[in-house]
Amino acid sequence: MSSREVVRKLLQQVTQHSCKCPAHSQAFGSSVPALRRKSESTVASKEYAFELVTSTIRYGYGVTKEIGQDLVHMKANHVAVFTDKNLMQLPPVSAVLDSLTHSKIQFTLFDKVQIEPSDQSFKEAIEFSRGTNFDALVAVGGGSVMDTAKVANLYSVHRNNDFLDFVNAPIGKGLPVTKSVSPLICVPTTAGTGS
């Protein structure tokens, strides 16, 4: 079976088993026939390829203790650490803070992340990030902590933007991100798909 046929078969399977609701049905449903028509009417030797570029994922016993050294290699001088009050009492946060201290990395801790963040809790994290001069972030927690750190990171480099500037219309302005954000290391404390 040629690679084009493999791709076509894969897309057909995704189409057959994907969500059929109006919000998602257009994503795959229209692309397979278009691919079929294009591949049958164009040069037969054309190949299709998929590329998946991801962040580095490191896992294993004791890897959290390496964060300080990772940040030294990244030439980070001051790190913003995000977590929540519950996690402050647990070993993952201690391991991160011990590693930062051992590696002589200066850090500022934000432990006010709310479970299921609201606009108010995001704004508090944004205010913290704008008042802290950091060059890297570490998020220790679940999705709420990681999302809060990402929002704080974005608005720390876009200091003059309003809260809804990067939220899609019609709620926000849907502005594009025009500046590079700081490196973010996440230490997930919940199990999930990693998507």
Protein backbone atom coordinates (compact mmCIF):
# COMPACT_ATOMS: atom_id res chain seq x y z
CA MET A 1 0.00 0.00 0.00
CA SER A 2 1.44 3.40 -0.98
CA SER A 3 1.90 6.09 1.63
CA ARG A 4 -0.86 8.15 -0.03
CA GLU A 5 -3.26 5.25 0.42
CA VAL A 6 -2.19 4.87 4.05
CA VAL A 7 -2.87 8.56 4.68
CA ARG A 8 -6.23 8.40 2.89
CA LYS A 9 -7.25 5.33 4.90
CA LEU A 10 -6.18 6.99 8.17
CA LEU A 11 -8.15 10.13 7.37
CA GLN A 12 -11.21 8.07 6.46
CA GLN A 13 -11.02 6.21 9.77
CA VAL A 14 -10.69 9.49 11.68
CA THR A 15 -13.69 10.86 9.75
CA GLN A 16 -15.84 7.82 10.51
CA HIS A 17 -15.04 7.87 14.22
CA SER A 18 -14.86 11.61 14.86
CA CYS A 19 -17.46 13.80 16.47
CA LYS A 20 -20.42 14.49 14.16
CA CYS A 21 -21.66 17.62 15.94
CA PRO A 22 -21.80 20.82 13.83
CA ALA A 23 -18.84 22.34 15.69
CA HIS A 24 -16.45 19.52 14.77
CA SER A 25 -17.88 17.70 11.75
CA GLN A 26 -16.28 20.11 9.26
CA ALA A 27 -12.76 19.46 10.51
CA PHE A 28 -12.33 16.05 8.90
CA GLY A 29 -15.46 15.48 6.86
CA SER A 30 -14.56 17.88 4.05
CA SER A 31 -10.84 17.17 3.94
CA VAL A 32 -10.94 13.49 2.95
CA PRO A 33 -12.95 13.98 -0.26
CA ALA A 34 -10.76 16.98 -1.10
CA LEU A 35 -7.65 14.87 -0.55
CA ARG A 36 -9.10 12.08 -2.68
CA ARG A 37 -10.02 14.42 -5.56
CA LYS A 38 -6.67 16.18 -5.40
CA SER A 39 -4.63 12.98 -5.26
CA GLU A 40 -6.56 11.37 -8.11
CA SER A 41 -6.37 14.42 -10.35
CA THR A 42 -2.75 15.44 -9.73
CA VAL A 43 0.61 13.84 -10.16
CA ALA A 44 0.49 10.27 -8.86
CA SER A 45 3.95 10.35 -7.29
CA LYS A 46 3.20 13.14 -4.79
CA GLU A 47 3.68 12.05 -1.17
CA TYR A 48 1.91 13.35 1.90
CA ALA A 49 3.69 13.66 5.23
CA PHE A 50 2.80 14.59 8.76
CA GLU A 51 5.14 16.26 11.19
CA LEU A 52 4.66 16.39 14.93
CA VAL A 53 6.84 18.85 16.82
CA THR A 54 6.50 18.70 20.58
CA SER A 55 8.04 20.08 23.70
CA THR A 56 10.62 17.97 25.49
CA ILE A 57 9.00 15.54 27.87
CA ARG A 58 11.14 14.01 30.59
CA TYR A 59 9.81 11.51 33.06
CA GLY A 60 11.19 9.07 35.56
CA TYR A 61 12.08 8.76 39.18
CA GLY A 62 13.91 11.83 40.47
CA VAL A 63 13.73 14.04 37.37
CA THR A 64 12.08 16.87 39.34
CA LYS A 65 15.34 17.21 41.29
CA GLU A 66 17.08 18.14 38.01
CA ILE A 67 15.07 21.33 37.40
CA GLY A 68 17.62 23.59 39.03
CA GLN A 69 20.41 22.26 36.81
CA ASP A 70 18.15 22.53 33.74
CA LEU A 71 17.56 26.19 34.53
CA VAL A 72 21.30 26.76 35.03
CA HIS A 73 21.85 25.34 31.51
CA MET A 74 19.11 27.68 30.25
CA LYS A 75 21.03 30.56 31.89
CA ALA A 76 18.00 31.51 33.98
CA ASN A 77 18.73 33.95 36.78
CA HIS A 78 15.32 34.49 38.35
CA VAL A 79 12.45 32.02 38.13
CA ALA A 80 8.76 32.48 38.87
CA VAL A 81 7.36 29.32 40.48
CA PHE A 82 3.59 28.74 40.20
CA THR A 83 1.61 26.32 42.37
CA ASP A 84 -1.40 26.24 44.68
CA LYS A 85 -1.82 26.22 48.47
CA ASN A 86 -2.55 22.48 48.63
CA LEU A 87 0.53 21.50 46.67
CA MET A 88 2.73 23.69 48.85
CA GLN A 89 2.45 20.96 51.49
CA LEU A 90 3.46 18.13 49.13
CA PRO A 91 6.81 16.70 47.96
CA PRO A 92 6.77 17.91 44.32
CA VAL A 93 6.93 21.58 45.33
CA SER A 94 9.59 20.85 47.95
CA ALA A 95 11.66 18.98 45.37
CA VAL A 96 11.48 21.92 42.95
CA LEU A 97 12.32 24.56 45.56
CA ASP A 98 15.17 22.42 46.96
CA SER A 99 16.57 21.96 43.45
CA LEU A 100 16.40 25.69 42.73
CA THR A 101 18.08 26.50 46.05
CA HIS A 102 20.78 23.86 45.53
CA SER A 103 21.50 25.27 42.05
CA LYS A 104 21.57 28.83 43.43
CA ILE A 105 18.68 29.92 41.22
CA GLN A 106 16.79 32.91 42.63
CA PHE A 107 13.03 32.37 42.59
CA THR A 108 9.77 34.03 43.54
CA LEU A 109 6.84 31.86 44.52
CA PHE A 110 3.21 32.39 43.48
CA ASP A 111 1.03 29.91 45.41
CA LYS A 112 -2.33 31.57 44.88
CA VAL A 113 -3.42 29.56 41.84
CA GLN A 114 -7.11 28.69 42.06
CA ILE A 115 -8.59 25.34 41.08
CA GLU A 116 -10.59 26.04 37.90
CA PRO A 117 -9.13 29.54 37.48
CA SER A 118 -11.44 32.51 37.08
CA ASP A 119 -10.71 35.76 35.32
CA GLN A 120 -9.97 37.27 38.74
CA SER A 121 -7.40 34.59 39.64
CA PHE A 122 -5.76 34.96 36.21
CA LYS A 123 -5.59 38.73 36.74
CA GLU A 124 -3.91 38.22 40.11
CA ALA A 125 -1.29 35.99 38.48
CA ILE A 126 -0.81 38.53 35.69
CA GLU A 127 -0.27 41.30 38.25
CA PHE A 128 2.30 39.10 40.02
CA SER A 129 4.13 38.34 36.77
CA ARG A 130 4.23 41.98 35.71
CA GLY A 131 5.71 42.92 39.08
CA THR A 132 8.34 40.17 39.03
CA ASN A 133 11.39 40.35 36.80
CA PHE A 134 11.86 36.68 35.86
CA ASP A 135 13.45 35.00 32.86
CA ALA A 136 11.87 31.55 33.25
CA LEU A 137 8.84 29.93 34.90
CA VAL A 138 8.17 26.64 36.64
CA ALA A 139 4.61 25.38 37.11
CA VAL A 140 4.13 22.63 39.70
CA GLY A 141 0.59 21.26 39.65
CA GLY A 142 -2.26 20.23 37.43
CA GLY A 143 -3.94 21.97 34.53
CA SER A 144 -5.04 24.99 36.56
CA VAL A 145 -1.48 25.71 37.67
CA MET A 146 0.01 25.17 34.22
CA ASP A 147 -2.67 27.30 32.51
CA THR A 148 -2.22 30.09 35.05
CA ALA A 149 1.55 30.06 34.49
CA LYS A 150 1.05 30.23 30.72
CA VAL A 151 -1.31 33.20 31.04
CA ALA A 152 1.06 34.98 33.43
CA ASN A 153 3.94 34.31 31.03
CA LEU A 154 2.04 35.77 28.07
CA TYR A 155 1.02 38.94 29.87
CA SER A 156 4.46 39.42 31.43
CA VAL A 157 5.88 40.12 27.97
CA HIS A 158 2.77 41.95 26.75
CA ARG A 159 2.71 44.31 29.72
CA ASN A 160 0.47 46.96 28.19
CA ASN A 161 -2.24 44.63 26.91
CA ASP A 162 -5.63 44.26 28.55
CA PHE A 163 -6.90 40.96 29.90
CA LEU A 164 -9.17 40.13 26.94
CA ASP A 165 -6.80 41.26 24.19
CA PHE A 166 -5.66 37.70 23.35
CA VAL A 167 -9.02 36.01 23.92
CA ASN A 168 -10.78 35.14 20.68
CA ALA A 169 -13.66 37.28 19.43
CA PRO A 170 -16.46 37.91 20.09
CA ILE A 171 -15.48 37.91 23.80
CA GLY A 172 -12.03 39.41 23.32
CA LYS A 173 -10.06 41.14 20.60
CA GLY A 174 -8.27 38.02 19.33
CA LEU A 175 -4.94 39.82 18.94
CA PRO A 176 -1.94 37.78 17.76
CA VAL A 177 0.93 37.11 20.13
CA THR A 178 3.81 39.22 18.82
CA LYS A 179 6.53 38.69 21.43
CA SER A 180 8.42 35.63 22.59
CA VAL A 181 7.49 34.35 26.02
CA SER A 182 9.92 33.09 28.66
CA PRO A 183 10.78 29.38 28.97
CA LEU A 184 8.27 27.39 31.04
CA ILE A 185 8.99 24.07 32.74
CA CYS A 186 5.90 22.19 33.87
CA VAL A 187 5.89 19.55 36.62
CA PRO A 188 2.49 17.86 36.25
CA THR A 189 1.13 16.43 39.48
CA THR A 190 -1.95 14.91 37.88
CA ALA A 191 -2.28 12.11 35.36
CA GLY A 192 -3.63 13.03 31.93
CA THR A 193 -3.17 12.66 28.21
CA GLY A 194 -0.54 15.38 27.94
CA SER A 195 -2.41 16.94 25.06
